[in-house]
Amino acid sequence: NIAAAVEECIYCYGFKFDNVYNGDVMIPVAQGADPHDGGGKMVDSYTIGLTDFANNEAYAVPNGITIWWVCTEYEAPREGCSSLMKDFVVWHHHRWGYFAYETNAMTIDGFIHRGDVTRLENEYEVVTSLYLVDYLQRQTVIRNADLQGAMLGIEMPVNRDARGSDGDNVGITRVENSLIVAPTGMLISSPSSTNGADDLSPQRTILRNVQFAYPPQRQNKFISINGDGASAATSNNPNARNDIWIIDYNKPVGEDGPDLYISPRYQPKSRCDNALGDCSNDISGSFPAIEGGYVYPLADDLIPPPVGAHKVYLPILK
């Protein structure tokens, strides 16, 4: 499908999935069944993921795509529900390629963004390829992305798991096997929200074989980290964990690069965890394109395997 020539407004999109307040819905029990004549079952709409959204394109639009409350009811994620956005292409837009509202277990595979690089000569340009703040984005995986021509490649989530959750396996967002060509490749802010931040989960960003480059028009940083929270947020929690693990920094698949552990500079240097990296070996000076973090070698025994193949879950019939 192709969406084009969408009328201008701030929150207009080529594609929109809006599952807000849908609650239980009736679906056919089989192909061709009439749900209003005994052939339907009630299901929780928040257990229905995007299972076949592939090869779609948006251009001449204010924004590419937005997704609301998929595999989660507001901030209450449904276990066993997941989604796959596959090979989405957006170009010739002027704000967000993807604006993410609440989602759970969303895999974005093969997302392509193209922007007009001449617009980057304007320092006030704000086009972003993947805008993942400031709503719940739990267990988001981005792989095989090709993002070029935006002022900002990815603004990472700042509300990454169920409120009150804690532990090493919560709040993880992964980006793998991707290319980002932008003045600022990735912006990682402290956990924050428009709905209070004290009970937000800690967060961890894991990058594997992510390549960064600058367009000729403007250069800033490959990765920028700050403790101010997302710009749209009204509450901020700079004390929560917000570390970054990088495997094969700035190298394509099949090439070895540095493995890094990054602790944010807005927190005391003593927050560095020796179980994650060599805190006695600050190598930040060797990575000038990483801003706002203390950079250390990542512990060898912590390098996680790549994310496995995406699994599609069917809705739960009641």
Protein backbone atom coordinates (compact mmCIF):
# COMPACT_ATOMS: atom_id res chain seq x y z
CA ASN A 1 0.00 0.00 0.00
CA ILE A 2 1.08 3.59 -0.66
CA ALA A 3 -0.08 6.70 1.17
CA ALA A 4 0.66 10.05 -0.48
CA ALA A 5 -0.46 13.70 -0.68
CA VAL A 6 -1.82 13.81 2.87
CA GLU A 7 -3.11 17.23 3.95
CA GLU A 8 -0.79 19.16 6.24
CA CYS A 9 -1.35 19.13 9.98
CA ILE A 10 0.99 18.49 12.90
CA TYR A 11 -0.47 15.07 13.71
CA CYS A 12 -1.42 13.82 10.25
CA TYR A 13 0.08 10.58 8.94
CA GLY A 14 0.24 8.36 5.93
CA PHE A 15 -0.70 5.36 8.11
CA LYS A 16 -2.31 5.28 11.56
CA PHE A 17 -3.14 2.31 13.80
CA ASP A 18 -5.39 3.55 16.61
CA ASN A 19 -6.41 0.91 19.14
CA VAL A 20 -7.17 3.33 21.99
CA TYR A 21 -10.05 2.25 24.27
CA ASN A 22 -11.16 -0.54 21.92
CA GLY A 23 -11.28 -3.09 24.75
CA ASP A 24 -12.85 -6.42 23.79
CA VAL A 25 -13.80 -6.82 20.14
CA MET A 26 -15.53 -9.56 18.18
CA ILE A 27 -13.60 -11.30 15.40
CA PRO A 28 -14.56 -14.18 13.07
CA VAL A 29 -13.57 -17.63 14.29
CA ALA A 30 -12.55 -18.62 10.76
CA GLN A 31 -12.19 -17.15 7.30
CA GLY A 32 -15.61 -16.32 5.89
CA ALA A 33 -17.43 -16.74 9.20
CA ASP A 34 -20.10 -14.18 10.06
CA PRO A 35 -19.30 -12.89 13.56
CA HIS A 36 -22.86 -11.59 13.94
CA ASP A 37 -24.42 -14.96 13.21
CA GLY A 38 -22.66 -17.23 15.68
CA GLY A 39 -19.35 -17.18 13.87
CA GLY A 40 -17.53 -14.76 16.15
CA LYS A 41 -15.51 -14.76 19.36
CA MET A 42 -14.72 -11.94 21.74
CA VAL A 43 -11.04 -11.14 22.14
CA ASP A 44 -9.02 -8.60 24.04
CA SER A 45 -7.97 -6.14 21.34
CA TYR A 46 -4.73 -5.48 23.19
CA THR A 47 -3.62 -9.06 22.54
CA ILE A 48 -3.77 -8.50 18.75
CA GLY A 49 -0.44 -7.48 17.29
CA LEU A 50 0.44 -6.37 13.77
CA THR A 51 1.15 -9.69 12.12
CA ASP A 52 1.21 -8.79 8.44
CA PHE A 53 2.13 -5.13 8.03
CA ALA A 54 4.81 -5.20 5.33
CA ASN A 55 6.03 -3.40 2.22
CA ASN A 56 4.10 -0.17 2.78
CA GLU A 57 5.25 3.30 1.72
CA ALA A 58 4.40 6.92 2.56
CA TYR A 59 5.54 10.06 0.79
CA ALA A 60 4.38 13.68 0.44
CA VAL A 61 2.98 13.37 3.96
CA PRO A 62 3.53 15.39 7.14
CA ASN A 63 4.48 12.17 8.98
CA GLY A 64 4.89 8.57 7.90
CA ILE A 65 3.18 6.32 10.44
CA THR A 66 1.92 6.24 14.02
CA ILE A 67 0.86 3.26 16.16
CA TRP A 68 -1.27 3.51 19.32
CA TRP A 69 -1.91 0.95 22.07
CA VAL A 70 -0.83 -2.18 20.20
CA CYS A 71 -0.11 -5.18 22.45
CA THR A 72 -0.71 -2.90 25.42
CA GLU A 73 -3.67 -1.17 27.04
CA TYR A 74 -2.11 2.22 27.67
CA GLU A 75 0.80 1.25 30.00
CA ALA A 76 -0.45 -2.27 30.78
CA PRO A 77 1.42 -4.53 28.31
CA ARG A 78 -0.02 -7.90 27.30
CA GLU A 79 2.45 -10.77 27.57
CA GLY A 80 2.58 -13.08 24.57
CA CYS A 81 1.58 -10.35 22.12
CA SER A 82 4.06 -8.93 19.60
CA SER A 83 4.14 -7.02 16.32
CA LEU A 84 6.29 -6.72 13.23
CA MET A 85 6.54 -3.64 11.02
CA LYS A 86 8.42 -4.90 7.98
CA ASP A 87 10.09 -2.91 5.17
CA PHE A 88 8.27 0.37 5.69
CA VAL A 89 9.51 3.23 3.48
CA VAL A 90 8.94 6.94 4.10
CA TRP A 91 10.30 9.89 2.15
CA HIS A 92 9.52 13.53 1.38
CA HIS A 93 7.93 14.26 4.74
CA HIS A 94 8.82 17.00 7.17
CA ARG A 95 8.41 15.85 10.75
CA TRP A 96 8.41 12.24 11.99
CA GLY A 97 8.93 9.10 9.93
CA TYR A 98 7.43 7.01 12.74
CA PHE A 99 5.78 8.50 15.83
CA ALA A 100 5.38 5.76 18.42
CA TYR A 101 2.62 5.87 20.98
CA GLU A 102 2.21 3.00 23.47
CA THR A 103 3.44 -0.32 22.06
CA ASN A 104 4.75 -3.58 23.48
CA ALA A 105 7.14 -6.04 21.81
CA MET A 106 7.31 -4.09 18.55
CA THR A 107 9.93 -5.15 16.01
CA ILE A 108 10.75 -2.61 13.30
CA ASP A 109 12.60 -4.46 10.55
CA GLY A 110 13.90 -2.87 7.36
CA PHE A 111 12.61 0.66 7.99
CA ILE A 112 13.86 3.02 5.26
CA HIS A 113 13.80 6.80 5.61
CA ARG A 114 14.97 9.31 3.01
CA GLY A 115 14.99 13.05 3.54
CA ASP A 116 16.09 16.12 1.60
CA VAL A 117 19.65 16.64 2.86
CA THR A 118 19.71 20.23 1.62
CA ARG A 119 17.19 21.05 4.37
CA LEU A 120 19.83 20.15 6.93
CA GLU A 121 21.59 23.41 6.19
CA ASN A 122 18.82 24.99 8.29
CA GLU A 123 19.81 24.59 11.95
CA TYR A 124 16.13 24.68 12.97
CA GLU A 125 15.19 21.64 10.90
CA VAL A 126 13.61 19.00 13.15
CA VAL A 127 12.86 16.03 10.88
CA THR A 128 13.30 12.76 12.79
CA SER A 129 13.30 9.26 11.29
CA LEU A 130 12.13 7.26 14.34
CA TYR A 131 10.54 9.24 17.19
CA LEU A 132 10.00 6.82 20.07
CA VAL A 133 9.23 9.21 22.96
CA ASP A 134 7.63 9.82 25.38
CA TYR A 135 5.07 7.02 25.59
CA LEU A 136 5.58 3.42 26.69
CA GLN A 137 7.80 1.51 24.26
CA ARG A 138 8.42 -1.88 25.86
CA GLN A 139 10.82 -4.40 24.29
CA THR A 140 11.27 -2.44 21.08
CA VAL A 141 13.68 -3.94 18.52
CA ILE A 142 14.94 -2.04 15.48
CA ARG A 143 16.90 -4.00 12.90
CA ASN A 144 18.09 -3.50 9.33
CA ALA A 145 17.09 0.17 9.36
CA ASP A 146 18.46 2.55 6.72
CA LEU A 147 17.89 6.11 7.90
CA GLN A 148 19.25 8.99 5.83
CA GLY A 149 18.42 12.66 5.43
CA ALA A 150 16.90 13.50 8.82
CA MET A 151 18.30 15.91 11.39
CA LEU A 152 17.91 13.15 14.01
CA GLY A 153 18.00 9.44 13.23
CA ILE A 154 16.41 7.88 16.33
CA GLU A 155 15.09 9.54 19.47
CA MET A 156 15.12 6.59 21.84
CA PRO A 157 12.32 5.65 24.25
CA VAL A 158 12.27 7.15 27.75
CA ASN A 159 9.45 4.96 29.15
CA ARG A 160 10.54 1.42 28.42
CA ASP A 161 8.76 -1.02 30.70
CA ALA A 162 5.90 -1.52 33.12
CA ARG A 163 5.98 1.03 35.91
CA GLY A 164 7.68 -0.19 39.05
CA SER A 165 9.56 -2.98 37.28
CA ASP A 166 13.24 -3.44 38.02
CA GLY A 167 16.10 -5.81 37.23
CA ASP A 168 18.69 -6.42 34.53
CA ASN A 169 16.17 -7.61 31.93
CA VAL A 170 13.73 -4.69 32.02
CA GLY A 171 13.76 -1.51 29.99
CA ILE A 172 15.83 -2.88 27.10
CA THR A 173 15.69 -1.38 23.61
CA ARG A 174 17.79 -2.94 20.84
CA VAL A 175 19.06 -1.60 17.53
CA GLU A 176 20.86 -4.03 15.21
CA ASN A 177 22.43 -4.16 11.76
CA SER A 178 21.41 -0.61 10.86
CA LEU A 179 22.75 2.50 9.10
CA ILE A 180 22.08 6.02 10.37
CA VAL A 181 23.29 9.01 8.34
CA ALA A 182 22.27 12.15 10.23
CA PRO A 183 23.82 15.14 12.02
CA THR A 184 22.72 13.48 15.27
CA GLY A 185 22.41 9.73 14.88
CA MET A 186 20.77 8.80 18.18
CA LEU A 187 19.45 10.77 21.14
CA ILE A 188 19.21 8.92 24.46
CA SER A 189 17.56 10.83 27.32
CA SER A 190 16.93 9.93 30.95
CA PRO A 191 13.67 8.11 31.84
CA SER A 192 10.86 10.63 31.66
CA SER A 193 7.14 10.96 31.01
CA THR A 194 4.16 13.28 30.84
CA ASN A 195 2.51 11.16 33.56
CA GLY A 196 5.03 11.15 36.41
CA ALA A 197 8.52 9.64 36.45
CA ASP A 198 9.29 8.39 39.97
CA ASP A 199 8.24 4.80 39.24
CA LEU A 200 9.60 4.53 35.69
CA SER A 201 11.71 1.48 34.97
CA PRO A 202 15.47 1.69 34.46
CA GLN A 203 16.54 1.53 30.84
CA ARG A 204 19.29 -0.05 28.78
CA THR A 205 20.12 0.48 25.11
CA ILE A 206 21.90 -2.33 23.25
CA LEU A 207 23.40 -1.54 19.85
CA ARG A 208 24.92 -4.18 17.59
CA ASN A 209 26.56 -3.44 14.23
CA VAL A 210 25.01 0.01 13.99
CA GLN A 211 26.88 2.22 11.53
CA PHE A 212 26.84 5.99 11.85
CA ALA A 213 27.85 8.69 9.37
CA TYR A 214 27.33 12.41 8.87
CA PRO A 215 25.79 14.10 5.85
CA PRO A 216 28.04 16.81 4.36
CA GLN A 217 25.61 19.58 5.35
CA ARG A 218 25.90 19.23 9.14
CA GLN A 219 27.70 17.24 11.84
CA ASN A 220 26.93 16.90 15.52
CA LYS A 221 27.34 13.54 17.29
CA PHE A 222 26.69 9.90 16.47
CA ILE A 223 25.22 9.32 19.95
CA SER A 224 24.09 12.07 22.34
CA ILE A 225 23.10 11.30 25.95
CA ASN A 226 21.42 13.72 28.34
CA GLY A 227 19.76 13.72 31.74
CA ASP A 228 17.08 16.28 30.91
CA GLY A 229 14.42 13.79 29.85
CA ALA A 230 12.53 13.96 26.58
CA SER A 231 11.68 17.44 25.40
CA ALA A 232 7.95 16.62 25.43
CA ALA A 233 8.04 15.14 28.95
CA THR A 234 6.89 17.02 32.03
CA SER A 235 8.62 14.80 34.63
CA ASN A 236 12.09 13.29 34.67
CA ASN A 237 13.98 10.60 36.63
CA PRO A 238 17.73 11.14 36.10
CA ASN A 239 18.60 8.73 38.93
CA ALA A 240 17.34 5.59 37.16
CA ARG A 241 19.78 3.35 35.28
CA ASN A 242 20.35 4.47 31.71
CA ASP A 243 23.35 2.59 30.36
CA ILE A 244 24.32 1.72 26.80
CA TRP A 245 26.02 -1.42 25.52
CA ILE A 246 27.54 -1.33 22.05
CA ILE A 247 28.75 -4.42 20.21
CA ASP A 248 31.02 -3.83 17.18
CA TYR A 249 30.76 -0.04 17.33
CA ASN A 250 30.27 1.56 13.92
CA LYS A 251 30.96 -1.66 12.02
CA PRO A 252 28.76 -3.64 9.62
CA VAL A 253 27.77 -7.23 10.18
CA GLY A 254 30.77 -9.53 9.89
CA GLU A 255 33.35 -6.93 10.95
CA ASP A 256 34.70 -6.65 14.47
CA GLY A 257 34.65 -3.31 16.24
CA PRO A 258 35.01 -2.04 19.81
CA ASP A 259 32.57 -3.38 22.39
CA LEU A 260 31.62 -0.53 24.71
CA TYR A 261 29.84 0.09 27.99
CA ILE A 262 28.62 3.66 28.48
CA SER A 263 27.48 5.23 31.73
CA PRO A 264 25.81 8.65 31.48
CA ARG A 265 27.83 11.70 32.53
CA TYR A 266 24.83 13.31 34.19
CA GLN A 267 25.17 10.66 36.93
CA PRO A 268 28.18 10.36 39.27
CA LYS A 269 31.09 8.47 37.77
CA SER A 270 30.80 6.08 40.71
CA ARG A 271 27.60 4.74 39.10
CA CYS A 272 29.80 2.80 36.69
CA ASP A 273 29.21 -0.94 37.26
CA ASN A 274 32.40 -3.02 37.26
CA ALA A 275 30.32 -6.08 36.46
CA LEU A 276 29.47 -4.48 33.09
CA GLY A 277 32.79 -2.92 32.12
CA ASP A 278 36.27 -1.93 33.23
CA CYS A 279 35.49 1.21 35.21
CA SER A 280 39.20 1.86 35.75
CA ASN A 281 39.71 2.31 32.01
CA ASP A 282 37.87 5.42 30.79
CA ILE A 283 38.35 5.47 27.00
CA SER A 284 35.93 8.32 26.28
CA GLY A 285 38.66 10.33 24.53
CA SER A 286 38.88 7.70 21.79
CA PHE A 287 35.20 8.16 20.90
CA PRO A 288 34.58 11.87 20.30
CA ALA A 289 31.33 11.17 18.41
CA ILE A 290 29.74 9.86 21.62
CA GLU A 291 28.53 12.77 23.76
CA GLY A 292 27.34 12.76 27.34
CA GLY A 293 28.69 9.41 28.50
CA TYR A 294 31.69 7.80 30.16
CA VAL A 295 32.93 5.12 27.76
CA TYR A 296 34.55 1.91 29.01
CA PRO A 297 35.35 -1.50 27.48
CA LEU A 298 32.32 -3.77 27.76
CA ALA A 299 32.87 -6.93 29.79
CA ASP A 300 33.49 -9.84 27.39
CA ASP A 301 31.11 -12.21 29.15
CA LEU A 302 28.21 -9.78 28.79
CA ILE A 303 28.02 -9.60 25.01
CA PRO A 304 24.45 -10.78 24.29
CA PRO A 305 23.50 -12.82 21.23
CA PRO A 306 21.55 -11.14 18.42
CA VAL A 307 17.79 -11.03 18.80
CA GLY A 308 16.22 -14.22 17.48
CA ALA A 309 13.73 -14.52 14.66
CA HIS A 310 10.49 -12.61 15.20
CA LYS A 311 7.59 -14.68 16.49
CA VAL A 312 4.01 -13.87 15.60
CA TYR A 313 1.37 -14.46 18.27
CA LEU A 314 -2.32 -14.83 17.49
CA PRO A 315 -4.96 -13.10 19.63
CA ILE A 316 -6.33 -14.91 22.66
CA LEU A 317 -9.89 -16.09 22.08
CA LYS A 318 -12.31 -15.82 24.95
